[in-house]
Each structure stands twice: as C-alpha cells, then as structure tokens.
N, C-alpha and C. Protein backbone atom coordinates (compact mmCIF):
# COMPACT_ATOMS: atom_id res chain seq x y z
N MET A 1 128.62 57.58 101.21
CA MET A 1 128.07 57.06 99.98
C MET A 1 126.81 57.83 99.58
N PHE A 2 125.91 58.04 100.56
CA PHE A 2 124.68 58.77 100.27
C PHE A 2 124.99 60.18 99.78
N LYS A 3 125.94 60.85 100.42
CA LYS A 3 126.31 62.22 100.05
C LYS A 3 126.84 62.26 98.62
N THR A 4 127.68 61.32 98.23
CA THR A 4 128.24 61.25 96.88
C THR A 4 127.12 61.03 95.86
N THR A 5 126.19 60.13 96.18
CA THR A 5 125.07 59.85 95.27
C THR A 5 124.18 61.08 95.13
N LEU A 6 123.94 61.79 96.22
CA LEU A 6 123.11 62.99 96.20
C LEU A 6 123.76 64.06 95.33
N ILE A 7 125.05 64.28 95.49
CA ILE A 7 125.77 65.28 94.68
C ILE A 7 125.75 64.87 93.21
N ALA A 8 125.99 63.62 92.92
CA ALA A 8 125.96 63.14 91.53
C ALA A 8 124.57 63.32 90.93
N GLY A 9 123.54 63.08 91.72
CA GLY A 9 122.16 63.27 91.25
C GLY A 9 121.87 64.72 90.96
N ALA A 10 122.34 65.62 91.83
CA ALA A 10 122.13 67.05 91.63
C ALA A 10 122.85 67.54 90.38
N VAL A 11 124.07 67.05 90.15
CA VAL A 11 124.83 67.43 88.95
C VAL A 11 124.11 66.92 87.70
N ALA A 12 123.62 65.70 87.74
CA ALA A 12 122.90 65.12 86.60
C ALA A 12 121.63 65.91 86.31
N LEU A 13 120.90 66.28 87.35
CA LEU A 13 119.67 67.05 87.18
C LEU A 13 119.97 68.42 86.59
N ALA A 14 121.00 69.08 87.09
CA ALA A 14 121.37 70.40 86.59
C ALA A 14 121.74 70.36 85.12
N SER A 15 122.30 69.27 84.67
CA SER A 15 122.72 69.18 83.27
C SER A 15 121.55 68.99 82.31
N VAL A 16 120.38 68.56 82.81
CA VAL A 16 119.23 68.38 81.92
C VAL A 16 118.26 69.56 81.98
N LEU A 17 118.42 70.43 82.96
CA LEU A 17 117.54 71.59 83.04
C LEU A 17 117.94 72.59 81.96
N PRO A 18 116.95 73.26 81.34
CA PRO A 18 117.30 74.23 80.30
C PRO A 18 118.00 75.44 80.89
N ALA A 19 118.90 76.01 80.11
CA ALA A 19 119.57 77.25 80.51
C ALA A 19 118.75 78.40 79.96
N PHE A 20 117.90 78.97 80.79
CA PHE A 20 116.99 80.00 80.33
C PHE A 20 117.72 81.28 79.94
N ALA A 21 117.07 82.05 79.09
CA ALA A 21 117.62 83.34 78.70
C ALA A 21 117.71 84.22 79.93
N GLU A 22 118.76 84.99 80.01
CA GLU A 22 118.93 85.95 81.10
C GLU A 22 118.87 87.33 80.47
N ILE A 23 117.74 88.00 80.66
CA ILE A 23 117.43 89.25 79.97
C ILE A 23 117.77 90.44 80.86
N THR A 24 118.46 91.42 80.29
CA THR A 24 118.67 92.71 80.96
C THR A 24 118.28 93.81 79.98
N ILE A 25 117.73 94.87 80.53
CA ILE A 25 117.30 96.01 79.73
C ILE A 25 118.18 97.20 80.09
N GLU A 26 118.71 97.86 79.07
CA GLU A 26 119.57 99.03 79.28
C GLU A 26 119.10 100.19 78.43
N ASP A 27 119.41 101.39 78.88
CA ASP A 27 119.21 102.62 78.10
C ASP A 27 117.78 102.79 77.60
N ALA A 28 116.79 102.48 78.44
CA ALA A 28 115.39 102.58 78.04
C ALA A 28 114.90 104.02 78.14
N TYR A 29 114.09 104.43 77.18
CA TYR A 29 113.40 105.71 77.26
C TYR A 29 112.18 105.66 76.36
N ALA A 30 111.20 106.52 76.66
CA ALA A 30 109.98 106.61 75.87
C ALA A 30 109.78 108.06 75.46
N ARG A 31 109.05 108.25 74.37
CA ARG A 31 108.78 109.61 73.91
C ARG A 31 107.55 109.63 73.00
N SER A 32 107.02 110.81 72.82
CA SER A 32 105.96 111.05 71.84
C SER A 32 106.39 112.28 71.04
N ALA A 33 105.76 112.48 69.89
CA ALA A 33 106.16 113.58 69.01
C ALA A 33 105.79 114.94 69.59
N SER A 34 104.70 114.99 70.36
CA SER A 34 104.24 116.25 70.95
C SER A 34 103.38 115.95 72.17
N PRO A 35 103.12 116.96 72.99
CA PRO A 35 102.28 116.72 74.17
C PRO A 35 100.86 116.24 73.82
N MET A 36 100.38 116.58 72.64
CA MET A 36 99.03 116.19 72.24
C MET A 36 98.98 114.90 71.44
N ALA A 37 100.13 114.28 71.20
CA ALA A 37 100.19 113.06 70.39
C ALA A 37 99.36 111.95 71.03
N LYS A 38 98.73 111.16 70.21
CA LYS A 38 97.93 110.03 70.67
C LYS A 38 98.74 108.74 70.70
N SER A 39 99.99 108.81 70.23
CA SER A 39 100.85 107.63 70.25
C SER A 39 102.26 108.04 70.68
N GLY A 40 102.98 107.04 71.13
CA GLY A 40 104.37 107.25 71.54
C GLY A 40 105.11 105.94 71.33
N ALA A 41 106.36 105.92 71.73
CA ALA A 41 107.16 104.72 71.54
C ALA A 41 108.16 104.58 72.67
N ALA A 42 108.58 103.33 72.89
CA ALA A 42 109.62 103.04 73.88
C ALA A 42 110.79 102.39 73.17
N PHE A 43 111.98 102.78 73.58
CA PHE A 43 113.22 102.29 72.97
C PHE A 43 114.12 101.76 74.07
N MET A 44 114.96 100.79 73.75
CA MET A 44 115.86 100.20 74.75
C MET A 44 116.80 99.22 74.10
N MET A 45 117.80 98.83 74.85
CA MET A 45 118.69 97.75 74.43
C MET A 45 118.32 96.53 75.27
N ILE A 46 117.93 95.45 74.60
CA ILE A 46 117.56 94.21 75.29
C ILE A 46 118.71 93.24 75.13
N LYS A 47 119.36 92.92 76.24
CA LYS A 47 120.53 92.05 76.19
C LYS A 47 120.21 90.69 76.79
N ASN A 48 120.79 89.67 76.19
CA ASN A 48 120.55 88.29 76.59
C ASN A 48 121.88 87.62 76.86
N SER A 49 122.09 87.17 78.09
CA SER A 49 123.34 86.48 78.42
C SER A 49 123.10 84.98 78.55
N GLY A 50 121.98 84.50 78.03
CA GLY A 50 121.66 83.07 78.10
C GLY A 50 121.37 82.51 76.73
N GLU A 51 120.49 81.52 76.68
CA GLU A 51 120.15 80.86 75.42
C GLU A 51 119.25 81.74 74.57
N ALA A 52 119.15 81.41 73.30
CA ALA A 52 118.32 82.17 72.37
C ALA A 52 116.88 82.22 72.85
N ASP A 53 116.22 83.33 72.58
CA ASP A 53 114.83 83.52 72.97
C ASP A 53 114.17 84.37 71.89
N ARG A 54 112.93 84.74 72.09
CA ARG A 54 112.21 85.59 71.15
C ARG A 54 111.30 86.53 71.93
N LEU A 55 111.40 87.82 71.63
CA LEU A 55 110.47 88.80 72.18
C LEU A 55 109.19 88.67 71.36
N ILE A 56 108.09 88.25 72.01
CA ILE A 56 106.87 87.95 71.26
C ILE A 56 105.75 88.97 71.46
N ALA A 57 105.84 89.79 72.51
CA ALA A 57 104.77 90.76 72.75
C ALA A 57 105.24 91.82 73.73
N ALA A 58 104.47 92.91 73.76
CA ALA A 58 104.68 93.97 74.74
C ALA A 58 103.31 94.47 75.16
N SER A 59 103.21 94.93 76.40
CA SER A 59 101.95 95.50 76.88
C SER A 59 102.26 96.65 77.83
N SER A 60 101.29 97.55 77.96
CA SER A 60 101.44 98.70 78.86
C SER A 60 100.07 99.26 79.18
N ASP A 61 99.88 99.64 80.44
CA ASP A 61 98.64 100.29 80.84
C ASP A 61 98.60 101.75 80.38
N ALA A 62 99.70 102.26 79.83
CA ALA A 62 99.78 103.65 79.40
C ALA A 62 99.03 103.90 78.10
N ALA A 63 98.68 102.82 77.38
CA ALA A 63 98.05 102.99 76.06
C ALA A 63 96.96 101.94 75.84
N ALA A 64 96.05 102.27 74.94
CA ALA A 64 94.98 101.33 74.60
C ALA A 64 95.53 100.10 73.89
N ARG A 65 96.60 100.30 73.09
CA ARG A 65 97.19 99.18 72.35
C ARG A 65 98.71 99.33 72.35
N THR A 66 99.40 98.22 72.57
CA THR A 66 100.85 98.20 72.58
C THR A 66 101.31 97.11 71.63
N GLU A 67 102.20 97.45 70.70
CA GLU A 67 102.66 96.49 69.70
C GLU A 67 104.16 96.61 69.48
N LEU A 68 104.74 95.53 68.96
CA LEU A 68 106.13 95.54 68.52
C LEU A 68 106.14 96.02 67.07
N HIS A 69 106.94 97.03 66.78
CA HIS A 69 106.99 97.61 65.43
C HIS A 69 108.42 97.68 64.93
N THR A 70 108.53 97.83 63.61
CA THR A 70 109.80 98.16 62.98
C THR A 70 109.51 99.01 61.76
N HIS A 71 110.55 99.55 61.16
CA HIS A 71 110.44 100.33 59.93
C HIS A 71 110.93 99.48 58.76
N LEU A 72 110.19 99.52 57.67
CA LEU A 72 110.59 98.85 56.44
C LEU A 72 110.53 99.84 55.30
N GLU A 73 111.43 99.65 54.34
CA GLU A 73 111.41 100.52 53.18
C GLU A 73 110.32 100.06 52.23
N GLY A 74 109.41 100.98 51.92
CA GLY A 74 108.30 100.67 51.03
C GLY A 74 108.56 101.16 49.62
N GLU A 75 107.49 101.33 48.89
CA GLU A 75 107.59 101.82 47.52
C GLU A 75 108.24 103.20 47.50
N ASN A 76 109.00 103.47 46.47
CA ASN A 76 109.67 104.75 46.27
C ASN A 76 110.63 105.10 47.40
N GLY A 77 111.11 104.09 48.13
CA GLY A 77 112.09 104.33 49.19
C GLY A 77 111.53 104.97 50.44
N VAL A 78 110.21 105.07 50.55
CA VAL A 78 109.59 105.69 51.71
C VAL A 78 109.54 104.67 52.86
N MET A 79 110.04 105.10 54.03
CA MET A 79 110.01 104.23 55.20
C MET A 79 108.61 104.21 55.78
N ARG A 80 108.17 103.02 56.19
CA ARG A 80 106.87 102.92 56.85
C ARG A 80 106.99 101.98 58.04
N MET A 81 106.16 102.24 59.04
CA MET A 81 106.17 101.41 60.24
C MET A 81 105.22 100.25 60.06
N VAL A 82 105.63 99.09 60.55
CA VAL A 82 104.76 97.91 60.48
C VAL A 82 104.78 97.18 61.82
N HIS A 83 103.64 96.58 62.13
CA HIS A 83 103.50 95.73 63.32
C HIS A 83 104.18 94.40 63.00
N VAL A 84 105.05 93.93 63.89
CA VAL A 84 105.76 92.68 63.70
C VAL A 84 105.13 91.64 64.62
N GLU A 85 104.12 90.94 64.11
CA GLU A 85 103.34 90.01 64.93
C GLU A 85 104.17 88.84 65.45
N GLU A 86 105.17 88.41 64.69
CA GLU A 86 105.97 87.26 65.12
C GLU A 86 107.05 87.64 66.13
N GLY A 87 107.22 88.93 66.38
CA GLY A 87 108.19 89.40 67.35
C GLY A 87 109.60 89.43 66.80
N PHE A 88 110.57 89.52 67.69
CA PHE A 88 111.97 89.67 67.30
C PHE A 88 112.82 88.58 67.92
N GLU A 89 113.71 87.99 67.13
CA GLU A 89 114.67 87.01 67.63
C GLU A 89 115.62 87.69 68.60
N LEU A 90 115.94 86.99 69.67
CA LEU A 90 116.94 87.45 70.63
C LEU A 90 118.00 86.36 70.72
N PRO A 91 119.11 86.53 69.99
CA PRO A 91 120.11 85.47 69.93
C PRO A 91 120.75 85.17 71.29
N ALA A 92 121.28 83.97 71.44
CA ALA A 92 122.04 83.62 72.63
C ALA A 92 123.22 84.58 72.73
N ASP A 93 123.45 85.10 73.90
CA ASP A 93 124.54 86.06 74.13
C ASP A 93 124.50 87.20 73.13
N GLY A 94 123.28 87.65 72.80
CA GLY A 94 123.11 88.73 71.83
C GLY A 94 122.19 89.81 72.36
N MET A 95 121.71 90.65 71.46
CA MET A 95 120.82 91.74 71.88
C MET A 95 119.88 92.16 70.76
N ILE A 96 118.85 92.87 71.17
CA ILE A 96 117.93 93.54 70.25
C ILE A 96 118.07 95.02 70.52
N ALA A 97 118.42 95.77 69.48
CA ALA A 97 118.51 97.23 69.60
C ALA A 97 117.15 97.80 69.22
N MET A 98 116.42 98.29 70.21
CA MET A 98 115.12 98.91 69.97
C MET A 98 115.40 100.41 69.93
N GLN A 99 115.42 100.99 68.71
CA GLN A 99 115.83 102.38 68.57
C GLN A 99 115.00 103.09 67.52
N ARG A 100 115.04 104.41 67.58
CA ARG A 100 114.28 105.22 66.63
C ARG A 100 114.70 104.87 65.21
N GLY A 101 113.71 104.76 64.35
CA GLY A 101 113.98 104.42 62.96
C GLY A 101 114.13 102.92 62.75
N GLY A 102 113.95 102.13 63.79
CA GLY A 102 114.09 100.68 63.70
C GLY A 102 113.05 99.99 64.57
N LYS A 103 113.45 98.91 65.21
CA LYS A 103 112.55 98.17 66.09
C LYS A 103 112.22 99.02 67.32
N HIS A 104 110.95 98.93 67.76
CA HIS A 104 110.54 99.67 68.94
C HIS A 104 109.21 99.14 69.47
N VAL A 105 108.86 99.57 70.67
CA VAL A 105 107.55 99.26 71.26
C VAL A 105 106.66 100.46 70.97
N MET A 106 105.58 100.24 70.24
CA MET A 106 104.65 101.32 69.87
C MET A 106 103.50 101.36 70.86
N LEU A 107 103.23 102.55 71.39
CA LEU A 107 102.14 102.77 72.34
C LEU A 107 101.08 103.60 71.63
N MET A 108 99.94 102.99 71.31
CA MET A 108 98.90 103.67 70.55
C MET A 108 97.66 103.91 71.41
N GLY A 109 97.10 105.09 71.27
CA GLY A 109 95.95 105.46 72.09
C GLY A 109 96.39 105.74 73.52
N LEU A 110 97.37 106.65 73.65
CA LEU A 110 97.88 106.98 74.98
C LEU A 110 96.74 107.41 75.91
N ASN A 111 96.78 106.93 77.15
CA ASN A 111 95.75 107.27 78.14
C ASN A 111 95.95 108.67 78.70
N ALA A 112 97.17 109.18 78.62
CA ALA A 112 97.51 110.52 79.09
C ALA A 112 98.73 110.99 78.29
N PRO A 113 98.92 112.30 78.19
CA PRO A 113 100.11 112.78 77.47
C PRO A 113 101.39 112.30 78.15
N MET A 114 102.41 112.03 77.34
CA MET A 114 103.72 111.69 77.89
C MET A 114 104.36 112.99 78.36
N GLU A 115 104.79 113.00 79.62
CA GLU A 115 105.40 114.20 80.18
C GLU A 115 106.84 113.92 80.55
N GLN A 116 107.71 114.88 80.23
CA GLN A 116 109.13 114.77 80.54
C GLN A 116 109.32 114.36 82.00
N GLY A 117 110.14 113.33 82.23
CA GLY A 117 110.44 112.87 83.57
C GLY A 117 109.48 111.85 84.15
N ALA A 118 108.34 111.65 83.49
CA ALA A 118 107.39 110.63 83.96
C ALA A 118 107.95 109.24 83.64
N THR A 119 107.24 108.22 84.07
CA THR A 119 107.66 106.84 83.81
C THR A 119 106.50 106.07 83.22
N VAL A 120 106.80 105.22 82.23
CA VAL A 120 105.82 104.34 81.60
C VAL A 120 106.24 102.90 81.91
N THR A 121 105.30 102.11 82.40
CA THR A 121 105.59 100.70 82.67
C THR A 121 105.26 99.89 81.44
N VAL A 122 106.26 99.14 80.96
CA VAL A 122 106.09 98.27 79.79
C VAL A 122 106.45 96.85 80.21
N THR A 123 105.59 95.89 79.85
CA THR A 123 105.89 94.48 80.09
C THR A 123 106.27 93.85 78.77
N LEU A 124 107.49 93.32 78.71
CA LEU A 124 107.98 92.60 77.53
C LEU A 124 107.76 91.12 77.77
N THR A 125 107.21 90.42 76.79
CA THR A 125 106.95 88.99 76.93
C THR A 125 107.85 88.21 75.99
N PHE A 126 108.62 87.29 76.56
CA PHE A 126 109.54 86.45 75.82
C PHE A 126 109.03 85.01 75.81
N GLU A 127 109.32 84.27 74.75
CA GLU A 127 108.90 82.87 74.65
C GLU A 127 109.41 82.04 75.83
N LYS A 128 110.66 82.18 76.17
CA LYS A 128 111.26 81.35 77.21
C LYS A 128 111.38 82.07 78.55
N ALA A 129 111.81 83.30 78.54
CA ALA A 129 112.05 84.03 79.78
C ALA A 129 110.77 84.53 80.43
N GLY A 130 109.66 84.55 79.68
CA GLY A 130 108.39 85.04 80.23
C GLY A 130 108.34 86.55 80.23
N ASP A 131 107.65 87.10 81.22
CA ASP A 131 107.43 88.54 81.30
C ASP A 131 108.58 89.25 82.01
N VAL A 132 109.01 90.36 81.42
CA VAL A 132 110.01 91.23 82.03
C VAL A 132 109.38 92.62 82.10
N VAL A 133 109.21 93.15 83.31
CA VAL A 133 108.60 94.46 83.50
C VAL A 133 109.69 95.52 83.53
N VAL A 134 109.50 96.56 82.73
CA VAL A 134 110.49 97.62 82.60
C VAL A 134 109.83 98.97 82.93
N GLU A 135 110.44 99.72 83.83
CA GLU A 135 110.00 101.09 84.11
C GLU A 135 110.78 102.00 83.17
N VAL A 136 110.09 102.59 82.20
CA VAL A 136 110.74 103.34 81.13
C VAL A 136 110.55 104.84 81.37
N PRO A 137 111.64 105.58 81.57
CA PRO A 137 111.52 107.03 81.77
C PRO A 137 111.15 107.74 80.46
N VAL A 138 110.28 108.74 80.57
CA VAL A 138 109.92 109.54 79.41
C VAL A 138 110.99 110.62 79.23
N ASP A 139 111.56 110.67 78.03
CA ASP A 139 112.58 111.67 77.72
C ASP A 139 112.24 112.29 76.36
N LEU A 140 111.52 113.40 76.41
CA LEU A 140 111.08 114.07 75.18
C LEU A 140 112.18 114.87 74.52
N GLU A 141 113.28 115.09 75.23
CA GLU A 141 114.37 115.91 74.69
C GLU A 141 115.49 115.08 74.07
N ARG A 142 115.45 113.79 74.25
CA ARG A 142 116.54 112.94 73.79
C ARG A 142 116.67 112.96 72.27
N GLN A 143 117.89 113.06 71.81
CA GLN A 143 118.17 113.02 70.38
C GLN A 143 118.44 111.59 69.96
N ASP A 144 118.32 111.34 68.68
CA ASP A 144 118.55 110.00 68.15
C ASP A 144 119.98 109.56 68.41
N HIS A 145 120.16 108.31 68.83
CA HIS A 145 121.49 107.73 69.06
C HIS A 145 121.66 106.52 68.16
N GLY A 146 121.92 106.76 66.91
CA GLY A 146 122.11 105.64 65.99
C GLY A 146 120.82 105.33 65.26
N GLY A 147 120.92 104.49 64.28
CA GLY A 147 119.75 104.14 63.49
C GLY A 147 119.36 105.27 62.57
N MET A 148 118.27 105.10 61.88
CA MET A 148 117.79 106.12 60.96
C MET A 148 116.84 107.02 61.71
N ASN A 149 117.08 108.30 61.70
CA ASN A 149 116.25 109.23 62.44
C ASN A 149 115.15 109.76 61.53
N HIS A 150 114.01 109.08 61.57
CA HIS A 150 112.86 109.53 60.79
C HIS A 150 111.85 110.24 61.67
N GLY A 151 112.10 110.26 62.99
CA GLY A 151 111.21 110.95 63.90
C GLY A 151 109.86 110.28 63.99
N HIS A 152 109.17 110.47 65.09
CA HIS A 152 107.85 109.86 65.26
C HIS A 152 106.77 110.73 64.67
N GLY A 153 107.06 112.00 64.38
CA GLY A 153 106.03 112.88 63.86
C GLY A 153 105.54 112.47 62.49
N GLY A 154 106.40 111.85 61.67
CA GLY A 154 106.01 111.50 60.32
C GLY A 154 105.74 110.03 60.12
N MET A 155 105.58 109.27 61.17
CA MET A 155 105.36 107.83 61.01
C MET A 155 104.01 107.56 60.40
N ASN A 156 103.96 106.61 59.52
CA ASN A 156 102.74 106.27 58.84
C ASN A 156 102.28 104.90 59.28
N HIS A 157 101.13 104.85 59.95
CA HIS A 157 100.59 103.55 60.40
C HIS A 157 99.63 102.99 59.37
N GLY A 158 99.29 103.75 58.37
CA GLY A 158 98.36 103.26 57.36
C GLY A 158 99.11 102.83 56.12
N SER A 159 98.34 102.52 55.09
CA SER A 159 98.97 102.06 53.86
C SER A 159 98.98 103.14 52.78
N GLY A 160 98.23 104.20 52.99
CA GLY A 160 98.09 105.18 51.92
C GLY A 160 99.01 106.38 52.00
N SER A 161 98.91 107.18 53.03
CA SER A 161 99.60 108.46 53.05
C SER A 161 100.97 108.35 53.43
C-alpha cells in the first residue's frame, strides 16, 4: 500500500512540475570583418525541444559589451542593425536562427582581435532555461549560409551614416 501511494504521489508531483525548455546549440561560429575590427558577431542555431522560452540576453568576456541584435529595413531600403532589448522568442519545439544578415549576438569593444581557430565563450540567458554557456569557434573564412549577406564590414550601429 505504501509503495502504491508513493508511486502515485511521484506521478502527481511530476505532472505539476513545469516542463522546462531543453536548449541545444548547433553550428555556432564567430567572426569579425577584419583583424583590426573592434566588433564581431556570433551566429548559431538555437534549438528548443521543450516548452516555449525567450532568449533575453547574451554576455561574453571577449568584449566590453555584448547585445542581441537583428537587421531591420530602414529608410530607402537600407538595412540597419538594431539592439533587440526584449530578446527573441524561442517557440516550443522550435528554433532561433542566429545568422548573418539577421538575428545575432553582437560583440562590441573586442578585448583582443578575433583569430581564426580561437574560441569565444558566450553565455546565452533564457527566461526559463537560465544560462547556457557556448564555446563558439572563430571562423573568419566561413561564407554566408542563408539569410541576407550584408557582411559585418558595412553594418551601421548609428542612426546617421
């Protein structure tokens, strides 16, 4: 009797616990426009096999400031990068494609030049899943794989030029 009650209690408890997001990171890489660039970016596929979540922040010791960015079409059809303070929705059983010309992690005020083959540590912060630490390889030779290829050399962080 005690064993049956214990199992029933465990099943009841399991049914009320939240099903947290299960985050996996695939195909991550980071790059900068040139060895002397003061900024760079990290790209990856963020997959969620659990409940809906939200990527709310990113941080890295590799740069003075780390932000979530995307590209938006501005006046005259010119693409511009913007900081997305509210973060990105991560649907249940869905993904966020962080790719060139779209959503990405922006690394501003690099502490050292990005070098081919090096690794940058990025911490992604989710509302429900918490912090996910990603070791991101630097790949300066990688070509764009989908999305709009506007390159990082011409990104505009200001409002004027």
